[in-house]
N, C-alpha and C. Protein backbone atom coordinates (compact mmCIF):
# COMPACT_ATOMS: atom_id res chain seq x y z
N UNK A 1 150.37 100.22 68.37
CA UNK A 1 149.76 100.93 67.24
C UNK A 1 148.81 100.03 66.48
N UNK A 2 149.06 98.70 66.44
CA UNK A 2 148.21 97.80 65.66
C UNK A 2 146.81 97.82 66.14
N UNK A 3 146.61 97.95 67.43
CA UNK A 3 145.26 97.99 68.03
C UNK A 3 144.46 99.20 67.48
N UNK A 4 145.11 100.26 67.14
CA UNK A 4 144.39 101.42 66.61
C UNK A 4 143.65 101.13 65.31
N UNK A 5 144.10 100.12 64.60
CA UNK A 5 143.48 99.79 63.37
C UNK A 5 142.08 99.07 63.47
N UNK A 6 141.87 98.55 64.70
CA UNK A 6 140.58 97.91 64.93
C UNK A 6 139.39 98.83 64.74
N UNK A 7 138.47 98.38 63.98
CA UNK A 7 137.29 99.25 63.68
C UNK A 7 137.48 100.23 62.57
N UNK A 8 138.71 100.42 62.05
CA UNK A 8 138.94 101.32 60.91
C UNK A 8 138.48 100.63 59.66
N UNK A 9 138.10 101.47 58.67
CA UNK A 9 137.74 100.97 57.33
C UNK A 9 138.78 101.49 56.39
N UNK A 10 139.38 100.57 55.61
CA UNK A 10 140.44 101.03 54.67
C UNK A 10 139.80 101.32 53.30
N UNK A 11 140.24 102.42 52.69
CA UNK A 11 139.91 102.74 51.36
C UNK A 11 140.77 102.04 50.33
N UNK A 12 142.06 101.93 50.75
CA UNK A 12 143.02 101.18 49.94
C UNK A 12 144.10 100.58 50.75
N UNK A 13 144.69 99.52 50.25
CA UNK A 13 145.86 98.89 50.87
C UNK A 13 146.88 98.80 49.71
N UNK A 14 148.06 99.46 49.90
CA UNK A 14 149.06 99.52 48.84
C UNK A 14 150.39 98.87 49.34
N UNK A 15 150.96 98.00 48.54
CA UNK A 15 152.25 97.44 48.78
C UNK A 15 153.30 98.03 47.91
N UNK A 16 154.39 98.54 48.43
CA UNK A 16 155.45 99.11 47.61
C UNK A 16 156.06 98.07 46.67
N UNK A 17 156.65 98.48 45.58
CA UNK A 17 157.26 97.60 44.58
C UNK A 17 158.40 96.84 45.23
N UNK A 18 159.05 97.40 46.16
CA UNK A 18 160.22 96.77 46.85
C UNK A 18 159.80 95.85 47.95
N UNK A 19 158.50 95.77 48.19
CA UNK A 19 157.88 95.01 49.35
C UNK A 19 158.53 95.31 50.73
N UNK A 20 158.84 96.62 50.83
CA UNK A 20 159.43 97.12 52.12
C UNK A 20 158.45 98.04 52.89
N UNK A 21 157.26 98.22 52.29
CA UNK A 21 156.26 99.12 52.94
C UNK A 21 154.86 98.69 52.52
N UNK A 22 153.92 98.80 53.47
CA UNK A 22 152.48 98.66 53.10
C UNK A 22 151.80 99.97 53.69
N UNK A 23 150.90 100.53 52.86
CA UNK A 23 150.12 101.66 53.31
C UNK A 23 148.66 101.27 53.36
N UNK A 24 148.09 101.56 54.59
CA UNK A 24 146.65 101.43 54.78
C UNK A 24 146.00 102.79 54.82
N UNK A 25 145.21 103.12 53.86
CA UNK A 25 144.57 104.37 53.78
C UNK A 25 143.12 104.25 54.33
N UNK A 26 142.81 105.00 55.37
CA UNK A 26 141.53 104.85 56.05
C UNK A 26 140.47 105.88 55.65
N UNK A 27 139.29 105.59 55.82
CA UNK A 27 138.15 106.47 55.49
C UNK A 27 138.17 107.71 56.36
N UNK A 28 138.81 107.70 57.53
CA UNK A 28 138.80 108.89 58.35
C UNK A 28 140.00 109.83 58.12
N UNK A 29 140.70 109.61 56.97
CA UNK A 29 141.63 110.64 56.53
C UNK A 29 143.06 110.36 57.08
N UNK A 30 143.43 109.17 57.40
CA UNK A 30 144.73 108.86 57.80
C UNK A 30 145.37 107.71 56.96
N UNK A 31 146.72 107.78 56.97
CA UNK A 31 147.45 106.64 56.26
C UNK A 31 148.31 106.06 57.40
N UNK A 32 148.20 104.72 57.47
CA UNK A 32 149.09 103.96 58.39
C UNK A 32 150.12 103.26 57.51
N UNK A 33 151.34 103.58 57.83
CA UNK A 33 152.44 102.99 56.99
C UNK A 33 153.20 101.97 57.84
N UNK A 34 153.22 100.78 57.30
CA UNK A 34 153.99 99.66 58.00
C UNK A 34 155.28 99.38 57.27
N UNK A 35 156.39 99.69 57.98
CA UNK A 35 157.71 99.46 57.37
C UNK A 35 158.76 99.42 58.47
N UNK A 36 159.97 99.15 58.03
CA UNK A 36 161.17 99.19 58.84
C UNK A 36 162.08 100.32 58.39
N UNK A 37 162.57 101.18 59.35
CA UNK A 37 163.57 102.15 59.01
C UNK A 37 164.94 101.44 58.81
N UNK A 38 165.30 101.22 57.50
CA UNK A 38 166.53 100.49 57.18
C UNK A 38 167.74 101.20 57.63
N UNK A 39 168.68 100.45 58.12
CA UNK A 39 170.02 100.92 58.47
C UNK A 39 171.05 100.01 57.81
N UNK A 40 172.30 100.22 57.99
CA UNK A 40 173.29 99.37 57.41
C UNK A 40 173.24 98.01 58.10
N UNK A 41 173.75 97.01 57.37
CA UNK A 41 173.95 95.70 58.01
C UNK A 41 172.61 95.04 58.43
N UNK A 42 171.51 95.38 57.80
CA UNK A 42 170.18 94.77 58.11
C UNK A 42 169.32 94.83 56.87
N UNK A 43 168.33 93.99 56.84
CA UNK A 43 167.38 93.97 55.78
C UNK A 43 166.06 93.45 56.34
N UNK A 44 164.96 94.20 56.10
CA UNK A 44 163.60 93.82 56.56
C UNK A 44 162.65 94.09 55.40
N UNK A 45 161.90 93.03 55.06
CA UNK A 45 160.89 93.18 53.98
C UNK A 45 159.76 92.14 54.15
N UNK A 46 158.76 92.31 53.35
CA UNK A 46 157.59 91.41 53.39
C UNK A 46 158.09 90.06 52.76
N UNK A 47 157.83 89.01 53.50
CA UNK A 47 158.24 87.68 53.08
C UNK A 47 157.07 86.98 52.33
N UNK A 48 155.79 87.29 52.81
CA UNK A 48 154.68 86.57 52.30
C UNK A 48 153.42 87.27 52.71
N UNK A 49 152.44 87.31 51.82
CA UNK A 49 151.11 87.76 52.09
C UNK A 49 150.18 86.65 51.78
N UNK A 50 149.46 86.16 52.82
CA UNK A 50 148.54 85.06 52.66
C UNK A 50 147.10 85.62 52.74
N UNK A 51 146.37 85.53 51.70
CA UNK A 51 145.03 86.16 51.66
C UNK A 51 144.96 87.27 50.66
N UNK A 52 143.85 87.78 50.46
CA UNK A 52 143.57 88.84 49.40
C UNK A 52 143.50 90.17 50.13
N UNK A 53 144.44 91.12 49.85
CA UNK A 53 144.38 92.44 50.49
C UNK A 53 143.09 93.19 50.25
N UNK A 54 142.46 92.88 49.09
CA UNK A 54 141.16 93.52 48.77
C UNK A 54 140.07 93.16 49.81
N UNK A 55 140.27 92.03 50.58
CA UNK A 55 139.33 91.66 51.57
C UNK A 55 139.36 92.73 52.76
N UNK A 56 140.41 93.45 52.80
CA UNK A 56 140.56 94.46 53.93
C UNK A 56 139.97 95.83 53.55
N UNK A 57 139.51 95.93 52.35
CA UNK A 57 139.05 97.23 51.87
C UNK A 57 137.56 97.26 51.86
N UNK A 58 137.01 98.40 52.45
CA UNK A 58 135.55 98.69 52.49
C UNK A 58 134.77 98.05 53.56
N UNK A 59 135.34 97.31 54.46
CA UNK A 59 134.65 96.78 55.63
C UNK A 59 135.53 97.07 56.90
N UNK A 60 134.87 97.24 58.02
CA UNK A 60 135.67 97.48 59.25
C UNK A 60 136.61 96.40 59.64
N UNK A 61 137.79 96.70 60.13
CA UNK A 61 138.78 95.76 60.62
C UNK A 61 138.25 95.14 61.91
N UNK A 62 138.02 93.81 61.90
CA UNK A 62 137.57 93.13 63.12
C UNK A 62 138.67 92.51 63.95
N UNK A 63 139.81 92.24 63.32
CA UNK A 63 140.91 91.66 64.01
C UNK A 63 142.21 92.34 63.46
N UNK A 64 143.08 92.76 64.36
CA UNK A 64 144.43 93.29 63.97
C UNK A 64 145.40 92.85 65.11
N UNK A 65 146.22 91.91 64.74
CA UNK A 65 147.17 91.31 65.73
C UNK A 65 148.54 91.27 65.18
N UNK A 66 149.51 91.32 66.10
CA UNK A 66 150.95 91.22 65.80
C UNK A 66 151.60 90.16 66.64
N UNK A 67 152.46 89.42 66.13
CA UNK A 67 153.35 88.55 66.88
C UNK A 67 154.72 88.42 66.26
N UNK A 68 155.72 88.04 67.04
CA UNK A 68 157.06 87.99 66.56
C UNK A 68 157.80 86.67 66.94
N UNK A 69 158.77 86.22 66.21
CA UNK A 69 159.56 85.13 66.56
C UNK A 69 160.97 85.50 66.18
N UNK A 70 161.88 85.41 67.15
CA UNK A 70 163.26 85.79 66.96
C UNK A 70 164.24 84.59 66.83
N UNK A 71 165.21 84.79 65.92
CA UNK A 71 166.32 83.91 65.81
C UNK A 71 166.03 82.41 65.59
N UNK A 72 164.95 82.12 64.80
CA UNK A 72 164.64 80.82 64.35
C UNK A 72 164.14 80.84 62.87
N UNK A 73 164.50 79.89 62.15
CA UNK A 73 163.99 79.75 60.82
C UNK A 73 162.73 79.00 60.93
N UNK A 74 161.72 79.35 60.16
CA UNK A 74 160.42 78.68 60.23
C UNK A 74 160.52 77.21 59.88
N UNK A 75 161.47 76.79 59.11
CA UNK A 75 161.57 75.39 58.69
C UNK A 75 162.55 74.63 59.54
N UNK A 76 163.12 75.26 60.61
CA UNK A 76 164.03 74.64 61.50
C UNK A 76 165.48 74.57 61.05
N UNK A 77 165.84 75.09 59.90
CA UNK A 77 167.18 75.07 59.48
C UNK A 77 168.00 76.16 60.14
N UNK A 78 169.29 76.00 60.18
CA UNK A 78 170.19 76.94 60.86
C UNK A 78 170.10 78.27 60.28
N UNK A 79 170.29 79.38 61.19
CA UNK A 79 170.29 80.68 60.75
C UNK A 79 171.37 81.00 59.76
N UNK A 80 171.06 81.84 58.75
CA UNK A 80 172.10 82.29 57.77
C UNK A 80 172.79 83.50 58.26
N UNK A 81 172.14 84.23 59.19
CA UNK A 81 172.64 85.51 59.70
C UNK A 81 172.80 85.37 61.24
N UNK A 82 173.42 86.38 61.81
CA UNK A 82 173.57 86.43 63.25
C UNK A 82 172.25 86.57 63.99
N UNK A 83 171.32 87.26 63.33
CA UNK A 83 170.04 87.53 63.98
C UNK A 83 168.95 87.63 62.92
N UNK A 84 167.74 87.10 63.26
CA UNK A 84 166.63 87.25 62.35
C UNK A 84 165.34 87.40 63.17
N UNK A 85 164.35 88.07 62.56
CA UNK A 85 163.04 88.27 63.22
C UNK A 85 161.93 88.03 62.22
N UNK A 86 160.97 87.21 62.55
CA UNK A 86 159.79 87.07 61.79
C UNK A 86 158.76 87.87 62.51
N UNK A 87 158.02 88.75 61.78
CA UNK A 87 156.93 89.50 62.35
C UNK A 87 155.68 89.22 61.56
N UNK A 88 154.67 88.77 62.25
CA UNK A 88 153.38 88.37 61.67
C UNK A 88 152.29 89.32 62.05
N UNK A 89 151.56 89.74 61.02
CA UNK A 89 150.42 90.59 61.21
C UNK A 89 149.20 89.85 60.68
N UNK A 90 148.13 89.81 61.48
CA UNK A 90 146.85 89.16 61.13
C UNK A 90 145.73 90.13 61.12
N UNK A 91 145.08 90.25 60.02
CA UNK A 91 143.91 91.16 59.88
C UNK A 91 142.73 90.32 59.44
N UNK A 92 141.52 90.85 59.85
CA UNK A 92 140.29 90.18 59.37
C UNK A 92 139.15 91.24 59.28
N UNK A 93 138.36 91.07 58.26
CA UNK A 93 137.11 91.79 58.13
C UNK A 93 136.05 90.79 57.90
N UNK A 94 134.86 91.19 57.70
CA UNK A 94 133.76 90.18 57.47
C UNK A 94 133.97 89.44 56.08
N UNK A 95 134.82 90.05 55.25
CA UNK A 95 135.11 89.46 53.94
C UNK A 95 136.22 88.43 53.86
N UNK A 96 137.09 88.45 54.93
CA UNK A 96 138.12 87.44 55.00
C UNK A 96 139.31 87.83 55.84
N UNK A 97 140.30 86.94 55.83
CA UNK A 97 141.49 87.07 56.62
C UNK A 97 142.73 87.32 55.79
N UNK A 98 143.66 88.13 56.24
CA UNK A 98 144.93 88.33 55.57
C UNK A 98 146.08 88.22 56.67
N UNK A 99 147.08 87.39 56.31
CA UNK A 99 148.28 87.33 57.18
C UNK A 99 149.43 87.86 56.38
N UNK A 100 150.17 88.78 57.01
CA UNK A 100 151.31 89.38 56.40
C UNK A 100 152.53 88.97 57.24
N UNK A 101 153.52 88.39 56.54
CA UNK A 101 154.73 87.91 57.21
C UNK A 101 155.94 88.72 56.77
N UNK A 102 156.59 89.37 57.67
CA UNK A 102 157.82 90.12 57.43
C UNK A 102 159.06 89.33 57.91
N UNK A 103 160.17 89.49 57.16
CA UNK A 103 161.39 88.80 57.63
C UNK A 103 162.48 89.82 57.64
N UNK A 104 163.16 89.85 58.78
CA UNK A 104 164.26 90.76 58.97
C UNK A 104 165.58 90.05 59.42
N UNK A 105 166.70 90.52 58.86
CA UNK A 105 168.01 89.87 59.23
C UNK A 105 168.93 91.07 59.54
N UNK A 106 169.92 90.74 60.39
CA UNK A 106 171.00 91.72 60.69
C UNK A 106 172.21 91.02 61.24
N UNK A 107 173.18 91.82 61.56
CA UNK A 107 174.40 91.25 62.19
C UNK A 107 174.17 91.08 63.70
N UNK A 108 173.02 91.39 64.17
CA UNK A 108 172.69 91.30 65.60
C UNK A 108 172.75 92.55 66.30
N UNK A 109 173.35 93.59 65.74
CA UNK A 109 173.48 94.90 66.45
C UNK A 109 172.27 95.77 66.18
N UNK A 110 171.55 95.55 65.06
CA UNK A 110 170.43 96.40 64.58
C UNK A 110 169.15 95.76 64.87
N UNK A 111 168.11 96.58 65.02
CA UNK A 111 166.74 96.08 65.18
C UNK A 111 166.20 95.54 63.82
N UNK A 112 165.37 94.59 63.90
CA UNK A 112 164.69 94.05 62.71
C UNK A 112 163.22 94.15 62.80
N UNK A 113 162.77 95.09 63.76
CA UNK A 113 161.32 95.19 63.96
C UNK A 113 160.61 96.01 62.91
N UNK A 114 159.37 95.71 62.74
CA UNK A 114 158.51 96.46 61.81
C UNK A 114 157.72 97.41 62.59
N UNK A 115 157.52 98.71 62.12
CA UNK A 115 156.81 99.67 62.81
C UNK A 115 155.57 100.18 61.99
N UNK A 116 154.63 100.68 62.62
CA UNK A 116 153.48 101.24 62.00
C UNK A 116 153.44 102.79 62.39
N UNK A 117 153.44 103.59 61.35
CA UNK A 117 153.43 105.08 61.58
C UNK A 117 152.15 105.59 61.04
N UNK A 118 151.57 106.58 61.77
CA UNK A 118 150.31 107.17 61.34
C UNK A 118 150.54 108.62 60.88
N UNK A 119 149.96 108.93 59.75
CA UNK A 119 150.06 110.30 59.30
C UNK A 119 148.66 110.67 58.67
N UNK A 120 148.45 111.95 58.64
CA UNK A 120 147.18 112.45 58.09
C UNK A 120 147.29 112.44 56.58
N UNK A 121 146.27 111.99 55.89
CA UNK A 121 146.21 111.95 54.38
C UNK A 121 145.59 113.33 54.03
N UNK A 122 146.39 114.33 53.77
CA UNK A 122 145.92 115.71 53.54
C UNK A 122 145.10 115.85 52.29
N UNK A 123 145.43 115.06 51.27
CA UNK A 123 144.61 115.07 50.06
C UNK A 123 143.16 114.53 50.37
N UNK A 124 143.09 113.44 51.05
CA UNK A 124 141.79 112.88 51.43
C UNK A 124 141.02 113.85 52.25
N UNK A 125 141.68 114.52 53.21
CA UNK A 125 140.98 115.49 54.04
C UNK A 125 140.44 116.68 53.15
N UNK A 126 141.30 117.14 52.29
CA UNK A 126 140.89 118.23 51.38
C UNK A 126 139.71 117.81 50.54
N UNK A 127 139.69 116.54 50.02
CA UNK A 127 138.56 116.11 49.21
C UNK A 127 137.31 115.98 50.02
N UNK A 128 137.43 115.56 51.30
CA UNK A 128 136.22 115.44 52.13
C UNK A 128 135.71 116.84 52.36
N UNK A 129 136.58 117.80 52.66
CA UNK A 129 136.09 119.20 52.96
C UNK A 129 135.44 119.75 51.73
N UNK A 130 136.01 119.50 50.56
CA UNK A 130 135.42 119.99 49.27
C UNK A 130 134.05 119.34 49.11
N UNK A 131 133.97 118.12 49.40
CA UNK A 131 132.64 117.36 49.24
C UNK A 131 131.63 118.01 50.24
N UNK A 132 132.07 118.38 51.40
CA UNK A 132 131.14 119.02 52.38
C UNK A 132 130.69 120.35 51.91
N UNK A 133 131.54 121.15 51.23
CA UNK A 133 131.18 122.44 50.71
C UNK A 133 130.24 122.30 49.53
N UNK A 134 130.40 121.27 48.67
CA UNK A 134 129.54 121.04 47.49
C UNK A 134 128.15 120.54 47.81
N UNK A 135 127.98 120.00 49.08
CA UNK A 135 126.69 119.44 49.44
C UNK A 135 125.66 120.46 49.60
């Protein structure tokens, strides 16, 4: 799904207060939501955002990449949980780069992966249709 964001232009990028979801609202009337469906015995959230999310707004996405690292701490220290996953997302526009790092932990039975879901932004579509009528 990350490849689908290549060439898209974001109107807004919103991070939830709990840092468990990021929404990318596109100019073509869609919202891409990046999050993890939480279950018991697991926790997945944004650990760090390096770069300015505003650099992703108003210019086409030139790079959209994902990579993961399982069951290692970035600093080499022993794991605090039975299982952990670092998920890295790298985005770039002509304005700059943004790296988003997610961290997930669990008892080893549950997934710690981050997913991207696409849905239509019905309000944006209505506004665009209204603008077409008013032209």
